[in-house]
Amino acid sequence: MPTDTLYGVVGRAEDKNVVERIYEIRKRNKSKPCIILIANLNELIKFGISITKIQRLEIEKFTEPTSFIMDCADENLSYLHRGTRTLAFRIPAQEELGKLLLEVGPLIAPSANIEGLPPAQNISEAKEYFGDSVDLYIDGGRITGRASKIIKLHKDGKVDIIRE
């Protein structure tokens, strides 16, 4: 389905079986965490993450699609953080996608491609990658966006840019 940046293979982040299925479908490196789309910063509590005022202000500075990495030591969420003890989140600016997230909850959203290949720019390309292994395709036309910027937020307010 279309996300705010690219087509993504999405599924409920709070369902370990769904997350593992997406890793299999995409042939994704098992040690590499996925970005989680959330409706708003209040959703972080579902992942045992409390955000500082400084971190909140840093997130609000970015106008382009930006994913932010936060520390997450909860071993019950290792199926998401893959041993990194961090999780990456993004709040999409698209109103419709935000409504969907409020309805269904946080979604992992890796790009719609097999690991190492270019992201699908339309549904035909996505179907070439995944065929019948995906339950539902949502056509948003051609998407030629780029992956989000990724930043690491530290409790002390320090910000590391991971991907421009």
C-alpha atoms as a PDB file:
ATOM      1  CA  MET A   1       0.000   0.000   0.000  1.00  0.00           C
ATOM      2  CA  PRO A   2       1.138   3.586  -0.419  1.00  0.00           C
ATOM      3  CA  THR A   3       2.690   5.204   2.634  1.00  0.00           C
ATOM      4  CA  ASP A   4       3.793   8.808   2.979  1.00  0.00           C
ATOM      5  CA  THR A   5       7.072   8.052   1.198  1.00  0.00           C
ATOM      6  CA  LEU A   6       6.981   4.842  -0.881  1.00  0.00           C
ATOM      7  CA  TYR A   7       4.878   1.748  -1.330  1.00  0.00           C
ATOM      8  CA  GLY A   8       5.239  -0.424   1.746  1.00  0.00           C
ATOM      9  CA  VAL A   9       4.489  -3.955   2.831  1.00  0.00           C
ATOM     10  CA  VAL A  10       2.569  -3.154   5.986  1.00  0.00           C
ATOM     11  CA  GLY A  11       1.221  -5.111   8.925  1.00  0.00           C
ATOM     12  CA  ARG A  12       0.293  -4.713  12.576  1.00  0.00           C
ATOM     13  CA  ALA A  13       3.438  -3.980  14.567  1.00  0.00           C
ATOM     14  CA  GLU A  14       1.917  -5.431  17.721  1.00  0.00           C
ATOM     15  CA  ASP A  15       1.458  -8.872  16.139  1.00  0.00           C
ATOM     16  CA  LYS A  16       4.689 -10.883  16.179  1.00  0.00           C
ATOM     17  CA  ASN A  17       3.395 -13.400  13.608  1.00  0.00           C
ATOM     18  CA  VAL A  18       2.526 -10.630  11.151  1.00  0.00           C
ATOM     19  CA  VAL A  19       5.948  -9.046  11.606  1.00  0.00           C
ATOM     20  CA  GLU A  20       7.710 -12.361  10.980  1.00  0.00           C
ATOM     21  CA  ARG A  21       5.576 -12.999   7.899  1.00  0.00           C
ATOM     22  CA  ILE A  22       6.596  -9.631   6.425  1.00  0.00           C
ATOM     23  CA  TYR A  23      10.263 -10.477   6.997  1.00  0.00           C
ATOM     24  CA  GLU A  24       9.732 -13.735   5.103  1.00  0.00           C
ATOM     25  CA  ILE A  25       7.786 -12.138   2.231  1.00  0.00           C
ATOM     26  CA  ARG A  26      10.435  -9.451   1.721  1.00  0.00           C
ATOM     27  CA  LYS A  27      13.376 -11.782   2.362  1.00  0.00           C
ATOM     28  CA  ARG A  28      14.514  -9.089   4.776  1.00  0.00           C
ATOM     29  CA  ASN A  29      17.675  -9.402   6.834  1.00  0.00           C
ATOM     30  CA  LYS A  30      16.416 -10.779  10.188  1.00  0.00           C
ATOM     31  CA  SER A  31      18.711  -8.504  12.187  1.00  0.00           C
ATOM     32  CA  LYS A  32      17.448  -5.293  10.562  1.00  0.00           C
ATOM     33  CA  PRO A  33      14.477  -3.602  12.290  1.00  0.00           C
ATOM     34  CA  CYS A  34      11.612  -2.039  10.320  1.00  0.00           C
ATOM     35  CA  ILE A  35      10.198   1.458  10.649  1.00  0.00           C
ATOM     36  CA  ILE A  36       6.900   1.617  12.524  1.00  0.00           C
ATOM     37  CA  LEU A  37       4.226   4.058  11.404  1.00  0.00           C
ATOM     38  CA  ILE A  38       2.296   5.615  14.303  1.00  0.00           C
ATOM     39  CA  ALA A  39      -0.621   8.035  14.379  1.00  0.00           C
ATOM     40  CA  ASN A  40       0.919  10.309  17.008  1.00  0.00           C
ATOM     41  CA  LEU A  41       3.560  10.420  19.740  1.00  0.00           C
ATOM     42  CA  ASN A  42       1.102   9.026  22.313  1.00  0.00           C
ATOM     43  CA  GLU A  43       1.442   5.671  20.514  1.00  0.00           C
ATOM     44  CA  LEU A  44       5.011   5.333  21.827  1.00  0.00           C
ATOM     45  CA  ILE A  45       3.620   4.203  25.196  1.00  0.00           C
ATOM     46  CA  LYS A  46       2.525   0.942  23.489  1.00  0.00           C
ATOM     47  CA  PHE A  47       6.224   0.231  23.065  1.00  0.00           C
ATOM     48  CA  GLY A  48       7.211   1.223  26.601  1.00  0.00           C
ATOM     49  CA  ILE A  49       8.818   4.424  25.375  1.00  0.00           C
ATOM     50  CA  SER A  50       8.439   7.741  27.118  1.00  0.00           C
ATOM     51  CA  ILE A  51       9.543  10.770  25.196  1.00  0.00           C
ATOM     52  CA  THR A  52      11.301  13.753  26.728  1.00  0.00           C
ATOM     53  CA  LYS A  53      10.293  17.312  25.979  1.00  0.00           C
ATOM     54  CA  ILE A  54      13.614  17.828  24.195  1.00  0.00           C
ATOM     55  CA  GLN A  55      13.001  14.789  21.967  1.00  0.00           C
ATOM     56  CA  ARG A  56       9.462  15.975  21.185  1.00  0.00           C
ATOM     57  CA  LEU A  57      10.794  19.390  20.135  1.00  0.00           C
ATOM     58  CA  GLU A  58      13.398  17.760  17.875  1.00  0.00           C
ATOM     59  CA  ILE A  59      10.750  15.637  16.145  1.00  0.00           C
ATOM     60  CA  GLU A  60       8.569  18.690  15.551  1.00  0.00           C
ATOM     61  CA  LYS A  61      11.434  20.507  13.786  1.00  0.00           C
ATOM     62  CA  PHE A  62      11.346  18.252  10.736  1.00  0.00           C
ATOM     63  CA  THR A  63       8.990  19.090   7.875  1.00  0.00           C
ATOM     64  CA  GLU A  64       9.981  16.303   5.459  1.00  0.00           C
ATOM     65  CA  PRO A  65       9.149  12.648   6.202  1.00  0.00           C
ATOM     66  CA  THR A  66      11.487  11.766   9.073  1.00  0.00           C
ATOM     67  CA  SER A  67      11.738   8.545  11.030  1.00  0.00           C
ATOM     68  CA  PHE A  68      13.157   8.789  14.520  1.00  0.00           C
ATOM     69  CA  ILE A  69      14.976   6.067  16.408  1.00  0.00           C
ATOM     70  CA  MET A  70      14.342   5.710  20.134  1.00  0.00           C
ATOM     71  CA  ASP A  71      15.847   3.377  22.727  1.00  0.00           C
ATOM     72  CA  CYS A  72      13.687   0.339  23.546  1.00  0.00           C
ATOM     73  CA  ALA A  73      15.141  -2.142  26.002  1.00  0.00           C
ATOM     74  CA  ASP A  74      11.968  -4.265  26.300  1.00  0.00           C
ATOM     75  CA  GLU A  75      12.960  -7.833  25.393  1.00  0.00           C
ATOM     76  CA  ASN A  76       9.289  -8.648  24.728  1.00  0.00           C
ATOM     77  CA  LEU A  77       9.665  -6.386  21.697  1.00  0.00           C
ATOM     78  CA  SER A  78      12.806  -8.105  20.389  1.00  0.00           C
ATOM     79  CA  TYR A  79      10.746  -9.331  17.411  1.00  0.00           C
ATOM     80  CA  LEU A  80      10.610  -5.627  16.452  1.00  0.00           C
ATOM     81  CA  HIS A  81      13.983  -4.286  17.594  1.00  0.00           C
ATOM     82  CA  ARG A  82      15.829  -7.415  16.426  1.00  0.00           C
ATOM     83  CA  GLY A  83      18.401  -7.122  19.215  1.00  0.00           C
ATOM     84  CA  THR A  84      19.269  -3.490  18.498  1.00  0.00           C
ATOM     85  CA  ARG A  85      17.280  -2.323  21.552  1.00  0.00           C
ATOM     86  CA  THR A  86      16.021   0.585  19.445  1.00  0.00           C
ATOM     87  CA  LEU A  87      12.870   1.179  17.415  1.00  0.00           C
ATOM     88  CA  ALA A  88      12.296   3.587  14.531  1.00  0.00           C
ATOM     89  CA  PHE A  89       8.986   5.437  14.223  1.00  0.00           C
ATOM     90  CA  ARG A  90       7.419   7.852  11.750  1.00  0.00           C
ATOM     91  CA  ILE A  91       4.243   9.895  11.971  1.00  0.00           C
ATOM     92  CA  PRO A  92       2.909  10.244   8.419  1.00  0.00           C
ATOM     93  CA  ALA A  93       1.662  13.705   7.464  1.00  0.00           C
ATOM     94  CA  GLN A  94      -1.077  12.224   5.242  1.00  0.00           C
ATOM     95  CA  GLU A  95      -4.411  12.631   6.996  1.00  0.00           C
ATOM     96  CA  GLU A  96      -5.965   9.450   5.569  1.00  0.00           C
ATOM     97  CA  LEU A  97      -3.002   7.322   6.605  1.00  0.00           C
ATOM     98  CA  GLY A  98      -3.157   8.874  10.068  1.00  0.00           C
ATOM     99  CA  LYS A  99      -6.838   7.915  10.359  1.00  0.00           C
ATOM    100  CA  LEU A 100      -6.005   4.352   9.330  1.00  0.00           C
ATOM    101  CA  LEU A 101      -3.298   4.177  12.008  1.00  0.00           C
ATOM    102  CA  LEU A 102      -5.751   5.398  14.659  1.00  0.00           C
ATOM    103  CA  GLU A 103      -8.147   2.677  13.544  1.00  0.00           C
ATOM    104  CA  VAL A 104      -5.787  -0.322  13.275  1.00  0.00           C
ATOM    105  CA  GLY A 105      -2.822   0.709  15.432  1.00  0.00           C
ATOM    106  CA  PRO A 106       0.881   0.984  14.627  1.00  0.00           C
ATOM    107  CA  LEU A 107       2.055  -0.658  11.395  1.00  0.00           C
ATOM    108  CA  ILE A 108       5.498  -1.821  10.405  1.00  0.00           C
ATOM    109  CA  ALA A 109       6.124  -0.496   6.924  1.00  0.00           C
ATOM    110  CA  PRO A 110       9.260  -1.623   5.127  1.00  0.00           C
ATOM    111  CA  SER A 111       9.401  -0.614   1.480  1.00  0.00           C
ATOM    112  CA  ALA A 112       7.659  -2.836  -1.072  1.00  0.00           C
ATOM    113  CA  ASN A 113      10.601  -4.714  -2.512  1.00  0.00           C
ATOM    114  CA  ILE A 114      12.669  -7.807  -1.984  1.00  0.00           C
ATOM    115  CA  GLU A 115      15.741  -6.975   0.105  1.00  0.00           C
ATOM    116  CA  GLY A 116      18.388  -5.369  -2.085  1.00  0.00           C
ATOM    117  CA  LEU A 117      16.100  -4.562  -5.026  1.00  0.00           C
ATOM    118  CA  PRO A 118      14.578  -1.145  -5.832  1.00  0.00           C
ATOM    119  CA  PRO A 119      11.265  -0.246  -4.142  1.00  0.00           C
ATOM    120  CA  ALA A 120       8.135  -0.859  -6.217  1.00  0.00           C
ATOM    121  CA  GLN A 121       6.845   2.371  -7.737  1.00  0.00           C
ATOM    122  CA  ASN A 122       3.423   0.954  -8.628  1.00  0.00           C
ATOM    123  CA  ILE A 123       1.199  -2.026  -7.893  1.00  0.00           C
ATOM    124  CA  SER A 124       2.363  -3.955 -10.975  1.00  0.00           C
ATOM    125  CA  GLU A 125       5.957  -3.846  -9.734  1.00  0.00           C
ATOM    126  CA  ALA A 126       4.845  -4.860  -6.227  1.00  0.00           C
ATOM    127  CA  LYS A 127       2.931  -7.828  -7.651  1.00  0.00           C
ATOM    128  CA  GLU A 128       6.035  -8.872  -9.600  1.00  0.00           C
ATOM    129  CA  TYR A 129       7.931  -8.992  -6.294  1.00  0.00           C
ATOM    130  CA  PHE A 130       5.306 -10.628  -4.106  1.00  0.00           C
ATOM    131  CA  GLY A 131       2.604 -12.266  -6.241  1.00  0.00           C
ATOM    132  CA  ASP A 132       0.005 -14.046  -4.102  1.00  0.00           C
ATOM    133  CA  SER A 133       2.089 -13.907  -0.906  1.00  0.00           C
ATOM    134  CA  VAL A 134       0.519 -10.527  -0.029  1.00  0.00           C
ATOM    135  CA  ASP A 135      -3.116 -10.558   1.162  1.00  0.00           C
ATOM    136  CA  LEU A 136      -4.159  -7.182  -0.255  1.00  0.00           C
ATOM    137  CA  TYR A 137      -2.749  -4.635  -2.664  1.00  0.00           C
ATOM    138  CA  ILE A 138      -3.877  -1.002  -2.438  1.00  0.00           C
ATOM    139  CA  ASP A 139      -3.206   0.969  -5.605  1.00  0.00           C
ATOM    140  CA  GLY A 140      -2.085   4.542  -5.037  1.00  0.00           C
ATOM    141  CA  GLY A 141      -0.851   5.096  -8.578  1.00  0.00           C
ATOM    142  CA  ARG A 142       2.800   5.653  -9.363  1.00  0.00           C
ATOM    143  CA  ILE A 143       4.922   6.684  -6.367  1.00  0.00           C
ATOM    144  CA  THR A 144       8.412   7.932  -7.045  1.00  0.00           C
ATOM    145  CA  GLY A 145       9.155   9.280  -3.580  1.00  0.00           C
ATOM    146  CA  ARG A 146      12.203   8.464  -1.570  1.00  0.00           C
ATOM    147  CA  ALA A 147      12.783   6.803   1.752  1.00  0.00           C
ATOM    148  CA  SER A 148      12.411   8.945   4.854  1.00  0.00           C
ATOM    149  CA  LYS A 149      15.226  10.727   6.611  1.00  0.00           C
ATOM    150  CA  ILE A 150      16.260   8.766   9.728  1.00  0.00           C
ATOM    151  CA  ILE A 151      17.492  10.364  12.932  1.00  0.00           C
ATOM    152  CA  LYS A 152      18.529   8.894  16.285  1.00  0.00           C
ATOM    153  CA  LEU A 153      17.171  10.805  19.278  1.00  0.00           C
ATOM    154  CA  HIS A 154      19.088  10.639  22.530  1.00  0.00           C
ATOM    155  CA  LYS A 155      17.567  11.450  25.933  1.00  0.00           C
ATOM    156  CA  ASP A 156      19.984  14.370  26.361  1.00  0.00           C
ATOM    157  CA  GLY A 157      18.674  16.029  23.202  1.00  0.00           C
ATOM    158  CA  LYS A 158      21.554  14.988  20.963  1.00  0.00           C
ATOM    159  CA  VAL A 159      20.482  14.055  17.415  1.00  0.00           C
ATOM    160  CA  ASP A 160      22.414  11.817  15.047  1.00  0.00           C
ATOM    161  CA  ILE A 161      21.429  11.815  11.373  1.00  0.00           C
ATOM    162  CA  ILE A 162      21.502   8.205  10.199  1.00  0.00           C
ATOM    163  CA  ARG A 163      20.111   8.674   6.674  1.00  0.00           C
ATOM    164  CA  GLU A 164      19.540  11.942   4.781  1.00  0.00           C
END
